[in-house]
PDB file of all heavy atoms in Angstrom:
ATOM      1  N   THR A   1      13.880  45.883  50.154  1.00  0.00           N
ATOM      2  CA  THR A   1      12.617  46.615  50.110  1.00  0.00           C
ATOM      3  C   THR A   1      12.720  47.724  49.075  1.00  0.00           C
ATOM      4  O   THR A   1      13.731  48.421  49.013  1.00  0.00           O
ATOM      5  CB  THR A   1      12.286  47.206  51.486  1.00  0.00           C
ATOM      6  OG1 THR A   1      12.170  46.150  52.439  1.00  0.00           O
ATOM      7  CG2 THR A   1      10.975  47.973  51.457  1.00  0.00           C
ATOM      8  N   GLY A   2      11.686  47.871  48.271  1.00  0.00           N
ATOM      9  CA  GLY A   2      11.660  48.921  47.273  1.00  0.00           C
ATOM     10  C   GLY A   2      12.352  48.510  45.988  1.00  0.00           C
ATOM     11  O   GLY A   2      12.512  47.320  45.693  1.00  0.00           O
ATOM     12  N   ASN A   3      12.762  49.508  45.224  1.00  0.00           N
ATOM     13  CA  ASN A   3      13.363  49.251  43.920  1.00  0.00           C
ATOM     14  C   ASN A   3      14.693  48.525  44.054  1.00  0.00           C
ATOM     15  O   ASN A   3      15.368  48.604  45.085  1.00  0.00           O
ATOM     16  CB  ASN A   3      13.553  50.561  43.161  1.00  0.00           C
ATOM     17  CG  ASN A   3      12.239  51.255  42.878  1.00  0.00           C
ATOM     18  OD1 ASN A   3      11.204  50.615  42.721  1.00  0.00           O
ATOM     19  ND2 ASN A   3      12.265  52.586  42.809  1.00  0.00           N
ATOM     20  N   ILE A   4      15.077  47.825  42.973  1.00  0.00           N
ATOM     21  CA  ILE A   4      16.353  47.116  42.937  1.00  0.00           C
ATOM     22  C   ILE A   4      17.317  47.940  42.096  1.00  0.00           C
ATOM     23  O   ILE A   4      17.027  48.275  40.942  1.00  0.00           O
ATOM     24  CB  ILE A   4      16.178  45.715  42.325  1.00  0.00           C
ATOM     25  CG1 ILE A   4      15.203  44.885  43.173  1.00  0.00           C
ATOM     26  CG2 ILE A   4      17.522  44.998  42.219  1.00  0.00           C
ATOM     27  CD1 ILE A   4      14.852  43.539  42.565  1.00  0.00           C
ATOM     28  N   THR A   5      18.450  48.293  42.681  1.00  0.00           N
ATOM     29  CA  THR A   5      19.434  49.081  41.944  1.00  0.00           C
ATOM     30  C   THR A   5      20.226  48.190  40.992  1.00  0.00           C
ATOM     31  O   THR A   5      20.274  46.961  41.154  1.00  0.00           O
ATOM     32  CB  THR A   5      20.390  49.789  42.910  1.00  0.00           C
ATOM     33  OG1 THR A   5      21.046  48.807  43.731  1.00  0.00           O
ATOM     34  CG2 THR A   5      19.619  50.750  43.815  1.00  0.00           C
ATOM     35  N   SER A   6      20.839  48.800  40.004  1.00  0.00           N
ATOM     36  CA  SER A   6      21.619  48.041  39.030  1.00  0.00           C
ATOM     37  C   SER A   6      22.836  47.412  39.714  1.00  0.00           C
ATOM     38  O   SER A   6      23.342  47.910  40.722  1.00  0.00           O
ATOM     39  CB  SER A   6      22.051  48.954  37.891  1.00  0.00           C
ATOM     40  OG  SER A   6      22.848  50.027  38.381  1.00  0.00           O
ATOM     41  N   PHE A   7      23.317  46.320  39.133  1.00  0.00           N
ATOM     42  CA  PHE A   7      24.482  45.622  39.683  1.00  0.00           C
ATOM     43  C   PHE A   7      25.158  44.853  38.564  1.00  0.00           C
ATOM     44  O   PHE A   7      24.595  44.667  37.476  1.00  0.00           O
ATOM     45  CB  PHE A   7      24.065  44.680  40.826  1.00  0.00           C
ATOM     46  CG  PHE A   7      23.150  43.561  40.396  1.00  0.00           C
ATOM     47  CD1 PHE A   7      23.652  42.294  40.085  1.00  0.00           C
ATOM     48  CD2 PHE A   7      21.771  43.751  40.284  1.00  0.00           C
ATOM     49  CE1 PHE A   7      22.821  41.263  39.680  1.00  0.00           C
ATOM     50  CE2 PHE A   7      20.928  42.727  39.883  1.00  0.00           C
ATOM     51  CZ  PHE A   7      21.446  41.482  39.574  1.00  0.00           C
ATOM     52  N   THR A   8      26.357  44.395  38.838  1.00  0.00           N
ATOM     53  CA  THR A   8      27.113  43.628  37.858  1.00  0.00           C
ATOM     54  C   THR A   8      26.789  42.154  38.026  1.00  0.00           C
ATOM     55  O   THR A   8      26.946  41.590  39.120  1.00  0.00           O
ATOM     56  CB  THR A   8      28.621  43.853  38.031  1.00  0.00           C
ATOM     57  OG1 THR A   8      28.910  45.238  37.843  1.00  0.00           O
ATOM     58  CG2 THR A   8      29.411  43.026  37.021  1.00  0.00           C
ATOM     59  N   GLY A   9      26.325  41.532  36.942  1.00  0.00           N
ATOM     60  CA  GLY A   9      25.969  40.126  37.004  1.00  0.00           C
ATOM     61  C   GLY A   9      27.200  39.236  37.108  1.00  0.00           C
ATOM     62  O   GLY A   9      28.217  39.483  36.461  1.00  0.00           O
ATOM     63  N   THR A  10      27.063  38.209  37.935  1.00  0.00           N
ATOM     64  CA  THR A  10      28.188  37.304  38.172  1.00  0.00           C
ATOM     65  C   THR A  10      27.792  35.883  37.828  1.00  0.00           C
ATOM     66  O   THR A  10      26.717  35.412  38.210  1.00  0.00           O
ATOM     67  CB  THR A  10      28.634  37.366  39.651  1.00  0.00           C
ATOM     68  OG1 THR A  10      28.980  38.708  39.968  1.00  0.00           O
ATOM     69  CG2 THR A  10      29.824  36.463  39.905  1.00  0.00           C
ATOM     70  N   ASN A  11      28.698  35.184  37.114  1.00  0.00           N
ATOM     71  CA  ASN A  11      28.512  33.764  36.828  1.00  0.00           C
ATOM     72  C   ASN A  11      29.893  33.153  36.601  1.00  0.00           C
ATOM     73  O   ASN A  11      30.578  33.500  35.637  1.00  0.00           O
ATOM     74  CB  ASN A  11      27.636  33.564  35.592  1.00  0.00           C
ATOM     75  CG  ASN A  11      27.381  32.091  35.298  1.00  0.00           C
ATOM     76  OD1 ASN A  11      27.890  31.204  35.975  1.00  0.00           O
ATOM     77  ND2 ASN A  11      26.598  31.825  34.263  1.00  0.00           N
ATOM     78  N   VAL A  12      30.331  32.276  37.485  1.00  0.00           N
ATOM     79  CA  VAL A  12      31.657  31.667  37.378  1.00  0.00           C
ATOM     80  C   VAL A  12      31.549  30.221  36.916  1.00  0.00           C
ATOM     81  O   VAL A  12      32.464  29.428  37.139  1.00  0.00           O
ATOM     82  CB  VAL A  12      32.395  31.748  38.740  1.00  0.00           C
ATOM     83  CG1 VAL A  12      32.685  33.198  39.105  1.00  0.00           C
ATOM     84  CG2 VAL A  12      31.577  31.074  39.847  1.00  0.00           C
ATOM     85  N   THR A  13      30.423  29.886  36.281  1.00  0.00           N
ATOM     86  CA  THR A  13      30.244  28.542  35.745  1.00  0.00           C
ATOM     87  C   THR A  13      30.166  28.624  34.225  1.00  0.00           C
ATOM     88  O   THR A  13      30.193  29.712  33.650  1.00  0.00           O
ATOM     89  CB  THR A  13      28.955  27.891  36.277  1.00  0.00           C
ATOM     90  OG1 THR A  13      27.829  28.465  35.612  1.00  0.00           O
ATOM     91  CG2 THR A  13      28.822  28.081  37.781  1.00  0.00           C
ATOM     92  N   ASN A  14      30.083  27.465  33.583  1.00  0.00           N
ATOM     93  CA  ASN A  14      29.935  27.475  32.125  1.00  0.00           C
ATOM     94  C   ASN A  14      28.492  27.230  31.689  1.00  0.00           C
ATOM     95  O   ASN A  14      28.235  26.917  30.528  1.00  0.00           O
ATOM     96  CB  ASN A  14      30.866  26.436  31.503  1.00  0.00           C
ATOM     97  CG  ASN A  14      30.443  25.012  31.835  1.00  0.00           C
ATOM     98  OD1 ASN A  14      29.728  24.776  32.806  1.00  0.00           O
ATOM     99  ND2 ASN A  14      30.881  24.046  31.021  1.00  0.00           N
ATOM    100  N   GLN A  15      27.539  27.385  32.658  1.00  0.00           N
ATOM    101  CA  GLN A  15      26.111  27.240  32.371  1.00  0.00           C
ATOM    102  C   GLN A  15      25.380  28.515  32.775  1.00  0.00           C
ATOM    103  O   GLN A  15      25.809  29.229  33.683  1.00  0.00           O
ATOM    104  CB  GLN A  15      25.524  26.054  33.149  1.00  0.00           C
ATOM    105  CG  GLN A  15      26.163  24.710  32.833  1.00  0.00           C
ATOM    106  CD  GLN A  15      25.893  24.274  31.402  1.00  0.00           C
ATOM    107  OE1 GLN A  15      24.813  24.540  30.857  1.00  0.00           O
ATOM    108  NE2 GLN A  15      26.862  23.626  30.781  1.00  0.00           N
ATOM    109  N   PRO A  16      24.251  28.827  32.118  1.00  0.00           N
ATOM    110  CA  PRO A  16      23.462  29.984  32.550  1.00  0.00           C
ATOM    111  C   PRO A  16      22.988  29.808  33.990  1.00  0.00           C
ATOM    112  O   PRO A  16      22.611  28.713  34.405  1.00  0.00           O
ATOM    113  CB  PRO A  16      22.282  29.997  31.576  1.00  0.00           C
ATOM    114  CG  PRO A  16      22.765  29.236  30.379  1.00  0.00           C
ATOM    115  CD  PRO A  16      23.677  28.180  30.917  1.00  0.00           C
ATOM    116  N   VAL A  17      23.002  30.882  34.756  1.00  0.00           N
ATOM    117  CA  VAL A  17      22.484  30.890  36.118  1.00  0.00           C
ATOM    118  C   VAL A  17      21.231  31.750  36.128  1.00  0.00           C
ATOM    119  O   VAL A  17      21.285  32.926  35.744  1.00  0.00           O
ATOM    120  CB  VAL A  17      23.520  31.423  37.126  1.00  0.00           C
ATOM    121  CG1 VAL A  17      22.900  31.523  38.522  1.00  0.00           C
ATOM    122  CG2 VAL A  17      24.736  30.517  37.148  1.00  0.00           C
ATOM    123  N   VAL A  18      20.116  31.151  36.548  1.00  0.00           N
ATOM    124  CA  VAL A  18      18.826  31.859  36.535  1.00  0.00           C
ATOM    125  C   VAL A  18      18.374  32.092  37.979  1.00  0.00           C
ATOM    126  O   VAL A  18      18.207  31.141  38.755  1.00  0.00           O
ATOM    127  CB  VAL A  18      17.753  31.065  35.770  1.00  0.00           C
ATOM    128  CG1 VAL A  18      16.437  31.832  35.765  1.00  0.00           C
ATOM    129  CG2 VAL A  18      18.214  30.775  34.347  1.00  0.00           C
ATOM    130  N   ALA A  19      18.182  33.343  38.322  1.00  0.00           N
ATOM    131  CA  ALA A  19      17.667  33.714  39.642  1.00  0.00           C
ATOM    132  C   ALA A  19      16.209  34.138  39.508  1.00  0.00           C
ATOM    133  O   ALA A  19      15.845  34.851  38.568  1.00  0.00           O
ATOM    134  CB  ALA A  19      18.489  34.841  40.249  1.00  0.00           C
ATOM    135  N   THR A  20      15.393  33.695  40.450  1.00  0.00           N
ATOM    136  CA  THR A  20      13.981  34.103  40.481  1.00  0.00           C
ATOM    137  C   THR A  20      13.791  35.100  41.616  1.00  0.00           C
ATOM    138  O   THR A  20      14.120  34.810  42.773  1.00  0.00           O
ATOM    139  CB  THR A  20      13.061  32.897  40.689  1.00  0.00           C
ATOM    140  OG1 THR A  20      13.214  31.989  39.592  1.00  0.00           O
ATOM    141  CG2 THR A  20      11.601  33.330  40.765  1.00  0.00           C
ATOM    142  N   VAL A  21      13.268  36.246  41.288  1.00  0.00           N
ATOM    143  CA  VAL A  21      13.014  37.298  42.276  1.00  0.00           C
ATOM    144  C   VAL A  21      11.507  37.388  42.494  1.00  0.00           C
ATOM    145  O   VAL A  21      10.748  37.554  41.540  1.00  0.00           O
ATOM    146  CB  VAL A  21      13.579  38.653  41.814  1.00  0.00           C
ATOM    147  CG1 VAL A  21      13.318  39.731  42.872  1.00  0.00           C
ATOM    148  CG2 VAL A  21      15.075  38.540  41.522  1.00  0.00           C
ATOM    149  N   THR A  22      11.091  37.257  43.752  1.00  0.00           N
ATOM    150  CA  THR A  22       9.669  37.294  44.115  1.00  0.00           C
ATOM    151  C   THR A  22       9.372  38.604  44.834  1.00  0.00           C
ATOM    152  O   THR A  22      10.017  38.927  45.839  1.00  0.00           O
ATOM    153  CB  THR A  22       9.308  36.113  45.034  1.00  0.00           C
ATOM    154  OG1 THR A  22       9.599  34.886  44.359  1.00  0.00           O
ATOM    155  CG2 THR A  22       7.818  36.136  45.393  1.00  0.00           C
ATOM    156  N   VAL A  23       8.394  39.345  44.322  1.00  0.00           N
ATOM    157  CA  VAL A  23       8.018  40.639  44.899  1.00  0.00           C
ATOM    158  C   VAL A  23       6.687  40.488  45.632  1.00  0.00           C
ATOM    159  O   VAL A  23       5.724  39.947  45.084  1.00  0.00           O
ATOM    160  CB  VAL A  23       7.902  41.720  43.807  1.00  0.00           C
ATOM    161  CG1 VAL A  23       7.521  43.067  44.424  1.00  0.00           C
ATOM    162  CG2 VAL A  23       9.209  41.835  43.036  1.00  0.00           C
ATOM    163  N   THR A  24       6.641  40.983  46.874  1.00  0.00           N
ATOM    164  CA  THR A  24       5.422  40.922  47.685  1.00  0.00           C
ATOM    165  C   THR A  24       4.959  42.330  48.020  1.00  0.00           C
ATOM    166  O   THR A  24       5.711  43.106  48.627  1.00  0.00           O
ATOM    167  CB  THR A  24       5.669  40.145  48.995  1.00  0.00           C
ATOM    168  OG1 THR A  24       6.126  38.822  48.688  1.00  0.00           O
ATOM    169  CG2 THR A  24       4.391  40.055  49.828  1.00  0.00           C
ATOM    170  N   PRO A  25       3.706  42.699  47.643  1.00  0.00           N
ATOM    171  CA  PRO A  25       3.187  44.031  47.971  1.00  0.00           C
ATOM    172  C   PRO A  25       2.403  43.999  49.286  1.00  0.00           C
ATOM    173  O   PRO A  25       1.640  43.067  49.551  1.00  0.00           O
ATOM    174  CB  PRO A  25       2.264  44.326  46.792  1.00  0.00           C
ATOM    175  CG  PRO A  25       1.720  42.971  46.406  1.00  0.00           C
ATOM    176  CD  PRO A  25       2.806  41.964  46.730  1.00  0.00           C
ATOM    177  N   THR A  26       2.582  45.020  50.101  1.00  0.00           N
ATOM    178  CA  THR A  26       1.850  45.122  51.366  1.00  0.00           C
ATOM    179  C   THR A  26       1.327  46.544  51.528  1.00  0.00           C
ATOM    180  O   THR A  26       2.089  47.509  51.466  1.00  0.00           O
ATOM    181  CB  THR A  26       2.746  44.766  52.566  1.00  0.00           C
ATOM    182  OG1 THR A  26       3.282  43.448  52.390  1.00  0.00           O
ATOM    183  CG2 THR A  26       1.948  44.805  53.867  1.00  0.00           C
ATOM    184  N   TYR A  27       0.014  46.640  51.741  1.00  0.00           N
ATOM    185  CA  TYR A  27      -0.612  47.938  51.991  1.00  0.00           C
ATOM    186  C   TYR A  27      -1.132  47.956  53.420  1.00  0.00           C
ATOM    187  O   TYR A  27      -1.853  47.038  53.839  1.00  0.00           O
ATOM    188  CB  TYR A  27      -1.770  48.189  51.018  1.00  0.00           C
ATOM    189  CG  TYR A  27      -2.548  49.455  51.322  1.00  0.00           C
ATOM    190  CD1 TYR A  27      -2.044  50.705  50.978  1.00  0.00           C
ATOM    191  CD2 TYR A  27      -3.777  49.395  51.974  1.00  0.00           C
ATOM    192  CE1 TYR A  27      -2.745  51.868  51.265  1.00  0.00           C
ATOM    193  CE2 TYR A  27      -4.478  50.551  52.266  1.00  0.00           C
ATOM    194  CZ  TYR A  27      -3.964  51.788  51.910  1.00  0.00           C
ATOM    195  OH  TYR A  27      -4.649  52.931  52.209  1.00  0.00           O
ATOM    196  N   THR A  28      -0.773  48.986  54.184  1.00  0.00           N
ATOM    197  CA  THR A  28      -1.164  49.066  55.583  1.00  0.00           C
ATOM    198  C   THR A  28      -2.022  50.298  55.817  1.00  0.00           C
ATOM    199  O   THR A  28      -1.663  51.415  55.404  1.00  0.00           O
ATOM    200  CB  THR A  28       0.074  49.120  56.493  1.00  0.00           C
ATOM    201  OG1 THR A  28       0.877  47.950  56.264  1.00  0.00           O
ATOM    202  CG2 THR A  28      -0.332  49.154  57.968  1.00  0.00           C
ATOM    203  N   ASN A  29      -3.163  50.089  56.471  1.00  0.00           N
ATOM    204  CA  ASN A  29      -4.066  51.185  56.825  1.00  0.00           C
ATOM    205  C   ASN A  29      -4.708  50.861  58.158  1.00  0.00           C
ATOM    206  O   ASN A  29      -5.183  49.748  58.380  1.00  0.00           O
ATOM    207  CB  ASN A  29      -5.150  51.364  55.755  1.00  0.00           C
ATOM    208  CG  ASN A  29      -6.180  52.410  56.143  1.00  0.00           C
ATOM    209  OD1 ASN A  29      -5.834  53.527  56.519  1.00  0.00           O
ATOM    210  ND2 ASN A  29      -7.450  52.047  56.068  1.00  0.00           N
ATOM    211  N   ASN A  30      -4.702  51.843  59.076  1.00  0.00           N
ATOM    212  CA  ASN A  30      -5.266  51.636  60.420  1.00  0.00           C
ATOM    213  C   ASN A  30      -4.651  50.412  61.098  1.00  0.00           C
ATOM    214  O   ASN A  30      -5.350  49.614  61.730  1.00  0.00           O
ATOM    215  CB  ASN A  30      -6.788  51.498  60.368  1.00  0.00           C
ATOM    216  CG  ASN A  30      -7.476  52.824  60.075  1.00  0.00           C
ATOM    217  OD1 ASN A  30      -6.975  53.886  60.446  1.00  0.00           O
ATOM    218  ND2 ASN A  30      -8.600  52.761  59.386  1.00  0.00           N
ATOM    219  N   ALA A  31      -3.343  50.265  60.944  1.00  0.00           N
ATOM    220  CA  ALA A  31      -2.572  49.188  61.580  1.00  0.00           C
ATOM    221  C   ALA A  31      -2.928  47.802  61.073  1.00  0.00           C
ATOM    222  O   ALA A  31      -2.528  46.805  61.667  1.00  0.00           O
ATOM    223  CB  ALA A  31      -2.744  49.242  63.105  1.00  0.00           C
ATOM    224  N   VAL A  32      -3.679  47.732  59.988  1.00  0.00           N
ATOM    225  CA  VAL A  32      -4.004  46.437  59.381  1.00  0.00           C
ATOM    226  C   VAL A  32      -3.228  46.320  58.070  1.00  0.00           C
ATOM    227  O   VAL A  32      -3.423  47.120  57.155  1.00  0.00           O
ATOM    228  CB  VAL A  32      -5.511  46.293  59.125  1.00  0.00           C
ATOM    229  CG1 VAL A  32      -5.816  44.990  58.399  1.00  0.00           C
ATOM    230  CG2 VAL A  32      -6.273  46.344  60.445  1.00  0.00           C
ATOM    231  N   ALA A  33      -2.326  45.334  58.018  1.00  0.00           N
ATOM    232  CA  ALA A  33      -1.488  45.129  56.838  1.00  0.00           C
ATOM    233  C   ALA A  33      -2.162  44.130  55.904  1.00  0.00           C
ATOM    234  O   ALA A  33      -2.499  43.017  56.315  1.00  0.00           O
ATOM    235  CB  ALA A  33      -0.108  44.637  57.244  1.00  0.00           C
ATOM    236  N   CYS A  34      -2.333  44.533  54.655  1.00  0.00           N
ATOM    237  CA  CYS A  34      -2.966  43.679  53.659  1.00  0.00           C
ATOM    238  C   CYS A  34      -1.924  43.288  52.613  1.00  0.00           C
ATOM    239  O   CYS A  34      -1.357  44.158  51.946  1.00  0.00           O
ATOM    240  CB  CYS A  34      -4.135  44.395  52.992  1.00  0.00           C
ATOM    241  SG  CYS A  34      -5.437  44.890  54.156  1.00  0.00           S
TER     242      CYS A  34
END
């Protein structure tokens, strides 16, 4: 949840590794989450 801190990238193969990061926004007001 929230920002992603920096980290050391890891790859123990001889091919590029591609990760997909999906971000979901949620706004809540009067107990109703949108």
